[in-house]
């Protein structure tokens, strides 16, 4: 990812055909630790919410904006300003778009409400217990983020009995 960013001055632009940076949000429930996932309309997979930077270089801002647009939830608490996860994955060709990479930077957010609205970009949204992740997806990055989140929750619980 760093090699791509250093090599490609337009790395934040969707028009960069090789690929581009994206910002995503691993959104956790306000009370019980479940995560909000989208059944993505174009990719037909359960994924975290997120999207294109479209020239915005602050990928945390991109992640929060996309989370708002895709969930209808207007307020989030940023649980960590550091990057939660990164992933490079291929997006298949569609209509006028060739196959390309998403260089995805993911952040950890907590929703302030559990009420959401399904956007046009999704078939559905759902609060998912991380123990059920493997029943919804085989995507290694999704399983990895679930394990990371479970580890954070476990450490937090052990620090505050």
N, C-alpha and C. Protein backbone atom coordinates (compact mmCIF):
# COMPACT_ATOMS: atom_id res chain seq x y z
N UNK A 1 0.83 -1.19 0.00
CA UNK A 1 0.00 0.00 0.00
C UNK A 1 0.87 1.25 0.00
N UNK A 2 1.91 1.24 0.83
CA UNK A 2 2.80 2.41 0.87
C UNK A 2 3.50 2.62 -0.46
N UNK A 3 3.92 1.54 -1.10
CA UNK A 3 4.57 1.64 -2.41
C UNK A 3 3.62 2.30 -3.40
N UNK A 4 2.35 1.89 -3.40
CA UNK A 4 1.35 2.47 -4.29
C UNK A 4 1.17 3.96 -4.01
N UNK A 5 1.04 4.33 -2.75
CA UNK A 5 0.83 5.73 -2.36
C UNK A 5 2.02 6.59 -2.79
N UNK A 6 3.24 6.09 -2.59
CA UNK A 6 4.43 6.86 -2.95
C UNK A 6 4.59 6.97 -4.47
N UNK A 7 4.17 5.95 -5.18
CA UNK A 7 4.31 5.91 -6.64
C UNK A 7 3.21 6.65 -7.38
N UNK A 8 2.02 6.71 -6.78
CA UNK A 8 0.84 7.21 -7.49
C UNK A 8 0.34 8.51 -6.86
N UNK A 9 0.66 9.66 -7.46
CA UNK A 9 0.23 10.94 -6.86
C UNK A 9 -1.30 11.10 -6.80
N UNK A 10 -2.02 10.42 -7.67
CA UNK A 10 -3.49 10.53 -7.68
C UNK A 10 -4.13 9.33 -6.97
N UNK A 11 -3.47 8.83 -5.92
CA UNK A 11 -3.94 7.62 -5.23
C UNK A 11 -5.30 7.80 -4.54
N UNK A 12 -5.71 9.04 -4.27
CA UNK A 12 -6.99 9.30 -3.62
C UNK A 12 -8.13 9.48 -4.61
N UNK A 13 -7.83 9.41 -5.90
CA UNK A 13 -8.82 9.67 -6.95
C UNK A 13 -9.38 8.38 -7.53
N UNK A 14 -10.68 8.28 -7.62
CA UNK A 14 -11.36 7.13 -8.20
C UNK A 14 -10.96 6.91 -9.66
N UNK A 15 -10.56 7.97 -10.33
CA UNK A 15 -10.20 7.89 -11.74
C UNK A 15 -8.87 7.16 -11.98
N UNK A 16 -8.10 6.90 -10.94
CA UNK A 16 -6.85 6.16 -11.08
C UNK A 16 -7.19 4.70 -11.34
N UNK A 17 -6.96 4.28 -12.58
CA UNK A 17 -7.46 2.98 -13.03
C UNK A 17 -6.83 1.78 -12.33
N UNK A 18 -5.56 1.87 -11.95
CA UNK A 18 -4.92 0.74 -11.26
C UNK A 18 -5.64 0.45 -9.95
N UNK A 19 -6.06 1.51 -9.29
CA UNK A 19 -6.73 1.38 -8.00
C UNK A 19 -6.69 2.71 -7.28
N UNK A 20 -7.26 2.73 -6.09
CA UNK A 20 -7.32 3.97 -5.33
C UNK A 20 -7.58 3.68 -3.86
N UNK A 21 -7.27 4.67 -3.04
CA UNK A 21 -7.49 4.54 -1.60
C UNK A 21 -8.98 4.66 -1.29
N UNK A 22 -9.40 3.88 -0.32
CA UNK A 22 -10.77 3.92 0.18
C UNK A 22 -10.72 3.97 1.70
N UNK A 23 -11.79 4.45 2.31
CA UNK A 23 -11.89 4.53 3.77
C UNK A 23 -13.09 3.75 4.24
N UNK A 24 -12.89 2.89 5.22
CA UNK A 24 -13.98 2.05 5.74
C UNK A 24 -14.10 2.17 7.24
N UNK A 25 -15.28 1.78 7.73
CA UNK A 25 -15.59 1.86 9.16
C UNK A 25 -16.02 0.50 9.68
N UNK A 26 -15.35 0.02 10.71
CA UNK A 26 -15.79 -1.14 11.48
C UNK A 26 -16.63 -0.54 12.60
N UNK A 27 -17.93 -0.60 12.42
CA UNK A 27 -18.86 0.10 13.31
C UNK A 27 -19.36 -0.86 14.38
N UNK A 28 -19.19 -0.49 15.63
CA UNK A 28 -19.64 -1.34 16.73
C UNK A 28 -20.90 -0.75 17.37
N UNK A 29 -21.71 -1.64 17.88
CA UNK A 29 -22.99 -1.31 18.51
C UNK A 29 -22.75 -0.43 19.73
N UNK A 30 -23.67 0.46 20.05
CA UNK A 30 -23.47 1.35 21.20
C UNK A 30 -23.45 0.65 22.55
N UNK A 31 -23.98 -0.58 22.62
CA UNK A 31 -24.07 -1.22 23.94
C UNK A 31 -23.45 -2.61 24.02
N UNK A 32 -23.56 -3.40 22.96
CA UNK A 32 -23.24 -4.82 23.16
C UNK A 32 -22.10 -5.39 22.31
N UNK A 33 -21.41 -4.60 21.54
CA UNK A 33 -20.24 -5.09 20.83
C UNK A 33 -20.48 -5.72 19.47
N UNK A 34 -21.75 -5.89 19.06
CA UNK A 34 -22.00 -6.38 17.70
C UNK A 34 -21.47 -5.37 16.70
N UNK A 35 -21.34 -5.79 15.45
CA UNK A 35 -20.84 -4.89 14.41
C UNK A 35 -21.89 -4.72 13.33
N UNK A 36 -21.91 -3.52 12.74
CA UNK A 36 -22.87 -3.22 11.69
C UNK A 36 -22.24 -3.55 10.33
N UNK A 37 -22.87 -4.45 9.61
CA UNK A 37 -22.39 -4.83 8.28
C UNK A 37 -23.44 -4.51 7.24
N UNK A 38 -22.96 -4.33 6.03
CA UNK A 38 -23.83 -4.11 4.89
C UNK A 38 -23.77 -5.32 3.97
N UNK A 39 -24.92 -5.72 3.46
CA UNK A 39 -24.93 -6.70 2.38
C UNK A 39 -24.85 -5.87 1.11
N UNK A 40 -23.64 -5.70 0.63
CA UNK A 40 -23.31 -4.77 -0.44
C UNK A 40 -24.03 -5.13 -1.73
N UNK A 41 -24.71 -4.16 -2.30
CA UNK A 41 -25.53 -4.40 -3.50
C UNK A 41 -24.69 -4.81 -4.70
N UNK A 42 -23.61 -4.09 -5.00
CA UNK A 42 -22.81 -4.39 -6.19
C UNK A 42 -21.98 -5.66 -6.04
N UNK A 43 -21.42 -5.89 -4.86
CA UNK A 43 -20.53 -7.03 -4.65
C UNK A 43 -21.26 -8.27 -4.12
N UNK A 44 -22.50 -8.06 -3.66
CA UNK A 44 -23.32 -9.15 -3.13
C UNK A 44 -22.60 -9.94 -2.03
N UNK A 45 -21.99 -9.20 -1.10
CA UNK A 45 -21.26 -9.78 0.03
C UNK A 45 -21.56 -8.96 1.28
N UNK A 46 -21.44 -9.60 2.44
CA UNK A 46 -21.50 -8.89 3.71
C UNK A 46 -20.13 -8.26 3.96
N UNK A 47 -20.11 -6.95 4.16
CA UNK A 47 -18.87 -6.20 4.33
C UNK A 47 -19.06 -5.09 5.35
N UNK A 48 -17.93 -4.49 5.76
CA UNK A 48 -17.97 -3.27 6.55
C UNK A 48 -18.41 -2.14 5.64
N UNK A 49 -18.87 -1.04 6.21
CA UNK A 49 -19.30 0.11 5.43
C UNK A 49 -18.07 0.94 5.04
N UNK A 50 -18.13 1.54 3.86
CA UNK A 50 -17.00 2.36 3.43
C UNK A 50 -17.12 2.73 1.98
N UNK A 51 -16.13 3.49 1.50
CA UNK A 51 -16.18 3.89 0.11
C UNK A 51 -14.99 4.69 -0.35
N UNK A 52 -15.13 5.26 -1.52
CA UNK A 52 -14.06 5.98 -2.20
C UNK A 52 -13.69 7.29 -1.51
N UNK A 53 -12.40 7.62 -1.58
CA UNK A 53 -11.91 8.88 -1.01
C UNK A 53 -12.31 10.06 -1.88
N UNK A 54 -12.41 9.84 -3.18
CA UNK A 54 -12.79 10.92 -4.12
C UNK A 54 -12.01 12.20 -3.87
N UNK A 55 -10.69 12.04 -3.70
CA UNK A 55 -9.81 13.20 -3.54
C UNK A 55 -9.57 13.64 -2.11
N UNK A 56 -10.36 13.14 -1.16
CA UNK A 56 -10.18 13.50 0.26
C UNK A 56 -9.03 12.67 0.83
N UNK A 57 -8.04 13.34 1.39
CA UNK A 57 -6.85 12.65 1.89
C UNK A 57 -7.00 12.18 3.32
N UNK A 58 -7.98 12.67 4.06
CA UNK A 58 -8.22 12.24 5.44
C UNK A 58 -9.14 11.02 5.39
N UNK A 59 -8.54 9.83 5.45
CA UNK A 59 -9.33 8.61 5.28
C UNK A 59 -10.22 8.31 6.48
N UNK A 60 -9.91 8.82 7.65
CA UNK A 60 -10.84 8.72 8.78
C UNK A 60 -12.10 9.51 8.47
N UNK A 61 -11.94 10.70 7.92
CA UNK A 61 -13.11 11.51 7.52
C UNK A 61 -13.91 10.77 6.46
N UNK A 62 -13.23 10.15 5.51
CA UNK A 62 -13.92 9.37 4.47
C UNK A 62 -14.72 8.24 5.11
N UNK A 63 -14.12 7.52 6.05
CA UNK A 63 -14.80 6.40 6.71
C UNK A 63 -16.05 6.87 7.45
N UNK A 64 -15.95 7.99 8.17
CA UNK A 64 -17.10 8.51 8.92
C UNK A 64 -18.19 8.98 7.95
N UNK A 65 -17.80 9.68 6.90
CA UNK A 65 -18.77 10.15 5.90
C UNK A 65 -19.50 8.98 5.26
N UNK A 66 -18.76 7.97 4.85
CA UNK A 66 -19.37 6.79 4.23
C UNK A 66 -20.28 6.06 5.21
N UNK A 67 -19.84 5.96 6.46
CA UNK A 67 -20.67 5.30 7.48
C UNK A 67 -22.00 6.03 7.64
N UNK A 68 -21.96 7.35 7.65
CA UNK A 68 -23.19 8.15 7.76
C UNK A 68 -24.09 7.92 6.55
N UNK A 69 -23.51 8.03 5.36
CA UNK A 69 -24.29 7.90 4.13
C UNK A 69 -24.90 6.52 3.97
N UNK A 70 -24.17 5.48 4.35
CA UNK A 70 -24.62 4.11 4.11
C UNK A 70 -25.50 3.56 5.21
N UNK A 71 -25.51 4.20 6.40
CA UNK A 71 -26.29 3.68 7.52
C UNK A 71 -27.39 4.61 7.98
N UNK A 72 -27.31 5.89 7.62
CA UNK A 72 -28.26 6.86 8.14
C UNK A 72 -27.97 7.25 9.58
N UNK A 73 -26.97 6.66 10.20
CA UNK A 73 -26.57 7.03 11.56
C UNK A 73 -25.70 8.28 11.44
N UNK A 74 -26.06 9.32 12.15
CA UNK A 74 -25.37 10.59 11.97
C UNK A 74 -24.19 10.80 12.90
N UNK A 75 -24.18 10.12 14.05
CA UNK A 75 -23.11 10.34 15.02
C UNK A 75 -22.39 9.04 15.34
N UNK A 76 -21.07 9.17 15.39
CA UNK A 76 -20.20 8.07 15.77
C UNK A 76 -19.14 8.58 16.72
N UNK A 77 -18.68 7.69 17.57
CA UNK A 77 -17.52 7.97 18.42
C UNK A 77 -16.35 7.25 17.78
N UNK A 78 -15.26 7.97 17.53
CA UNK A 78 -14.06 7.33 16.99
C UNK A 78 -13.37 6.65 18.17
N UNK A 79 -13.32 5.33 18.15
CA UNK A 79 -12.73 4.59 19.27
C UNK A 79 -11.21 4.60 19.22
N UNK A 80 -10.65 4.66 18.03
CA UNK A 80 -9.20 4.76 17.85
C UNK A 80 -8.95 5.65 16.65
N UNK A 81 -8.10 6.65 16.81
CA UNK A 81 -7.73 7.48 15.66
C UNK A 81 -6.68 6.78 14.80
N UNK A 82 -6.00 5.80 15.38
CA UNK A 82 -5.06 5.00 14.60
C UNK A 82 -5.84 4.08 13.68
N UNK A 83 -5.18 3.62 12.65
CA UNK A 83 -5.79 2.69 11.70
C UNK A 83 -6.11 1.37 12.41
N UNK A 84 -7.31 0.87 12.21
CA UNK A 84 -7.75 -0.41 12.78
C UNK A 84 -7.28 -1.57 11.91
N UNK A 85 -7.35 -1.41 10.59
CA UNK A 85 -7.00 -2.49 9.68
C UNK A 85 -6.75 -1.90 8.29
N UNK A 86 -5.97 -2.60 7.50
CA UNK A 86 -5.81 -2.24 6.08
C UNK A 86 -5.99 -3.50 5.25
N UNK A 87 -6.42 -3.31 4.02
CA UNK A 87 -6.58 -4.44 3.13
C UNK A 87 -6.49 -3.95 1.68
N UNK A 88 -5.86 -4.77 0.86
CA UNK A 88 -5.81 -4.51 -0.58
C UNK A 88 -6.60 -5.63 -1.24
N UNK A 89 -7.62 -5.26 -1.99
CA UNK A 89 -8.44 -6.29 -2.63
C UNK A 89 -8.87 -5.82 -4.02
N UNK A 90 -9.10 -6.81 -4.87
CA UNK A 90 -9.48 -6.55 -6.25
C UNK A 90 -10.99 -6.34 -6.33
N UNK A 91 -11.38 -5.33 -7.07
CA UNK A 91 -12.79 -5.07 -7.36
C UNK A 91 -13.02 -5.52 -8.81
N UNK A 92 -14.01 -6.36 -9.03
CA UNK A 92 -14.24 -6.86 -10.40
C UNK A 92 -14.71 -5.76 -11.36
N UNK A 93 -14.44 -5.97 -12.63
CA UNK A 93 -14.87 -5.03 -13.67
C UNK A 93 -16.40 -4.98 -13.70
N UNK A 94 -16.92 -3.78 -13.99
CA UNK A 94 -18.36 -3.56 -14.14
C UNK A 94 -18.58 -2.50 -15.20
N UNK A 95 -19.57 -2.63 -15.97
CA UNK A 95 -19.98 -1.63 -16.97
C UNK A 95 -18.80 -0.83 -17.52
N UNK A 96 -18.64 0.41 -17.04
CA UNK A 96 -17.60 1.31 -17.53
C UNK A 96 -16.34 1.30 -16.68
N UNK A 97 -16.26 0.41 -15.69
CA UNK A 97 -15.10 0.38 -14.79
C UNK A 97 -14.30 -0.89 -15.01
N UNK A 98 -12.99 -0.76 -15.28
CA UNK A 98 -12.17 -1.96 -15.38
C UNK A 98 -11.91 -2.54 -13.99
N UNK A 99 -11.48 -3.78 -13.93
CA UNK A 99 -11.03 -4.39 -12.68
C UNK A 99 -9.95 -3.48 -12.09
N UNK A 100 -9.99 -3.28 -10.78
CA UNK A 100 -9.02 -2.41 -10.12
C UNK A 100 -8.90 -2.77 -8.64
N UNK A 101 -7.86 -2.24 -8.01
CA UNK A 101 -7.64 -2.48 -6.58
C UNK A 101 -8.26 -1.39 -5.72
N UNK A 102 -8.75 -1.81 -4.56
CA UNK A 102 -9.07 -0.88 -3.48
C UNK A 102 -8.00 -1.06 -2.42
N UNK A 103 -7.36 0.02 -2.09
CA UNK A 103 -6.38 0.07 -1.01
C UNK A 103 -7.14 0.64 0.17
N UNK A 104 -7.71 -0.25 0.99
CA UNK A 104 -8.70 0.14 1.98
C UNK A 104 -8.09 0.34 3.36
N UNK A 105 -8.34 1.51 3.94
CA UNK A 105 -7.90 1.85 5.28
C UNK A 105 -9.14 1.90 6.16
N UNK A 106 -9.10 1.12 7.26
CA UNK A 106 -10.29 0.92 8.09
C UNK A 106 -10.09 1.50 9.49
N UNK A 107 -11.17 2.08 10.01
CA UNK A 107 -11.16 2.72 11.32
C UNK A 107 -12.24 2.14 12.20
N UNK A 108 -12.03 2.22 13.50
CA UNK A 108 -12.94 1.66 14.49
C UNK A 108 -13.85 2.76 15.04
N UNK A 109 -15.16 2.62 14.79
CA UNK A 109 -16.15 3.59 15.24
C UNK A 109 -17.21 2.92 16.09
N UNK A 110 -17.78 3.68 17.04
CA UNK A 110 -18.93 3.20 17.80
C UNK A 110 -20.13 4.07 17.40
N UNK A 111 -21.23 3.42 17.03
CA UNK A 111 -22.47 4.15 16.72
C UNK A 111 -23.07 4.68 18.02
N UNK A 112 -23.78 5.79 17.94
CA UNK A 112 -24.44 6.32 19.13
C UNK A 112 -25.88 5.82 19.23
N UNK A 113 -26.35 5.15 18.20
CA UNK A 113 -27.69 4.57 18.19
C UNK A 113 -27.64 3.26 17.43
N UNK A 114 -28.58 2.37 17.73
CA UNK A 114 -28.63 1.12 16.96
C UNK A 114 -29.57 1.22 15.75
N UNK A 115 -30.34 2.30 15.67
CA UNK A 115 -31.28 2.48 14.56
C UNK A 115 -30.52 2.90 13.31
N UNK A 116 -30.77 2.23 12.21
CA UNK A 116 -30.11 2.55 10.95
C UNK A 116 -31.12 2.56 9.82
N UNK A 117 -30.69 3.07 8.68
CA UNK A 117 -31.50 3.10 7.46
C UNK A 117 -30.68 2.44 6.35
N UNK A 118 -31.28 1.55 5.62
CA UNK A 118 -30.60 0.87 4.52
C UNK A 118 -30.55 1.82 3.31
N UNK A 119 -29.36 2.06 2.78
CA UNK A 119 -29.20 2.96 1.64
C UNK A 119 -29.33 2.18 0.32
N UNK A 120 -29.30 2.92 -0.77
CA UNK A 120 -29.36 2.31 -2.11
C UNK A 120 -28.16 1.42 -2.40
N UNK A 121 -27.08 1.58 -1.64
CA UNK A 121 -25.87 0.81 -1.90
C UNK A 121 -25.93 -0.59 -1.29
N UNK A 122 -26.97 -0.87 -0.53
CA UNK A 122 -27.06 -2.14 0.21
C UNK A 122 -28.34 -2.89 -0.10
N UNK A 123 -28.22 -4.21 -0.03
CA UNK A 123 -29.43 -5.04 0.02
C UNK A 123 -30.02 -4.97 1.42
N UNK A 124 -29.12 -4.92 2.42
CA UNK A 124 -29.55 -4.93 3.82
C UNK A 124 -28.40 -4.46 4.69
N UNK A 125 -28.71 -4.09 5.92
CA UNK A 125 -27.75 -3.84 6.98
C UNK A 125 -28.16 -4.70 8.16
N UNK A 126 -27.20 -5.07 9.00
CA UNK A 126 -27.55 -5.86 10.18
C UNK A 126 -26.45 -5.74 11.23
N UNK A 127 -26.90 -5.75 12.49
CA UNK A 127 -25.96 -5.85 13.62
C UNK A 127 -25.63 -7.33 13.77
N UNK A 128 -24.35 -7.66 13.69
CA UNK A 128 -23.90 -9.05 13.66
C UNK A 128 -22.97 -9.31 14.84
N UNK A 129 -23.23 -10.41 15.55
CA UNK A 129 -22.30 -10.86 16.58
C UNK A 129 -21.08 -11.44 15.87
N UNK A 130 -19.89 -11.06 16.30
CA UNK A 130 -18.68 -11.52 15.62
C UNK A 130 -18.53 -13.04 15.62
N UNK A 131 -19.15 -13.71 16.58
CA UNK A 131 -19.08 -15.18 16.59
C UNK A 131 -19.81 -15.79 15.39
N UNK A 132 -20.66 -15.00 14.73
CA UNK A 132 -21.42 -15.46 13.56
C UNK A 132 -20.76 -15.07 12.23
N UNK A 133 -19.63 -14.36 12.29
CA UNK A 133 -19.02 -13.83 11.08
C UNK A 133 -18.74 -14.91 10.04
N UNK A 134 -18.24 -16.03 10.46
CA UNK A 134 -17.87 -17.08 9.49
C UNK A 134 -19.10 -17.71 8.82
N UNK A 135 -20.29 -17.47 9.35
CA UNK A 135 -21.50 -17.98 8.68
C UNK A 135 -21.95 -17.03 7.57
N UNK A 136 -21.45 -15.80 7.58
CA UNK A 136 -21.84 -14.80 6.59
C UNK A 136 -20.80 -14.60 5.49
N UNK A 137 -19.53 -14.86 5.82
CA UNK A 137 -18.46 -14.54 4.87
C UNK A 137 -17.26 -15.45 5.06
N UNK A 138 -16.55 -15.62 3.97
CA UNK A 138 -15.25 -16.30 4.03
C UNK A 138 -14.13 -15.31 3.75
N UNK A 139 -14.48 -14.03 3.62
CA UNK A 139 -13.49 -12.98 3.37
C UNK A 139 -12.50 -12.92 4.54
N UNK A 140 -11.23 -13.14 4.24
CA UNK A 140 -10.23 -13.20 5.31
C UNK A 140 -10.13 -11.88 6.08
N UNK A 141 -10.31 -10.75 5.38
CA UNK A 141 -10.19 -9.47 6.09
C UNK A 141 -11.35 -9.26 7.06
N UNK A 142 -12.53 -9.78 6.73
CA UNK A 142 -13.67 -9.66 7.63
C UNK A 142 -13.45 -10.50 8.89
N UNK A 143 -12.96 -11.72 8.69
CA UNK A 143 -12.67 -12.59 9.84
C UNK A 143 -11.56 -11.95 10.69
N UNK A 144 -10.54 -11.41 10.03
CA UNK A 144 -9.42 -10.77 10.74
C UNK A 144 -9.92 -9.61 11.60
N UNK A 145 -10.79 -8.76 11.03
CA UNK A 145 -11.30 -7.62 11.82
C UNK A 145 -12.16 -8.09 12.98
N UNK A 146 -12.94 -9.15 12.79
CA UNK A 146 -13.75 -9.69 13.89
C UNK A 146 -12.84 -10.17 15.02
N UNK A 147 -11.75 -10.85 14.68
CA UNK A 147 -10.80 -11.33 15.69
C UNK A 147 -10.14 -10.15 16.41
N UNK A 148 -9.75 -9.13 15.64
CA UNK A 148 -9.15 -7.94 16.26
C UNK A 148 -10.12 -7.28 17.23
N UNK A 149 -11.37 -7.11 16.79
CA UNK A 149 -12.37 -6.46 17.63
C UNK A 149 -12.63 -7.29 18.89
N UNK A 150 -12.72 -8.60 18.75
CA UNK A 150 -12.91 -9.46 19.93
C UNK A 150 -11.76 -9.31 20.91
N UNK A 151 -10.53 -9.19 20.39
CA UNK A 151 -9.36 -9.00 21.25
C UNK A 151 -9.42 -7.67 21.99
N UNK A 152 -9.83 -6.63 21.32
CA UNK A 152 -9.96 -5.32 21.96
C UNK A 152 -11.01 -5.38 23.05
N UNK A 153 -12.15 -6.01 22.76
CA UNK A 153 -13.22 -6.13 23.75
C UNK A 153 -12.75 -6.92 24.96
N UNK A 154 -12.04 -8.00 24.72
CA UNK A 154 -11.55 -8.85 25.81
C UNK A 154 -10.57 -8.08 26.69
N UNK A 155 -9.64 -7.35 26.09
CA UNK A 155 -8.68 -6.55 26.87
C UNK A 155 -9.40 -5.48 27.66
N UNK A 156 -10.39 -4.84 27.06
CA UNK A 156 -11.15 -3.79 27.74
C UNK A 156 -11.91 -4.34 28.93
N UNK A 157 -12.51 -5.52 28.75
CA UNK A 157 -13.28 -6.15 29.83
C UNK A 157 -12.37 -6.58 30.98
N UNK A 158 -11.18 -7.09 30.65
CA UNK A 158 -10.27 -7.56 31.69
C UNK A 158 -9.67 -6.38 32.46
N UNK A 159 -9.63 -5.21 31.84
CA UNK A 159 -9.10 -4.03 32.52
C UNK A 159 -10.16 -3.39 33.41
N UNK A 160 -11.44 -3.66 33.12
CA UNK A 160 -12.55 -3.06 33.90
C UNK A 160 -13.53 -4.17 34.30
N UNK A 161 -13.18 -4.91 35.37
CA UNK A 161 -14.06 -6.03 35.76
C UNK A 161 -15.42 -5.57 36.24
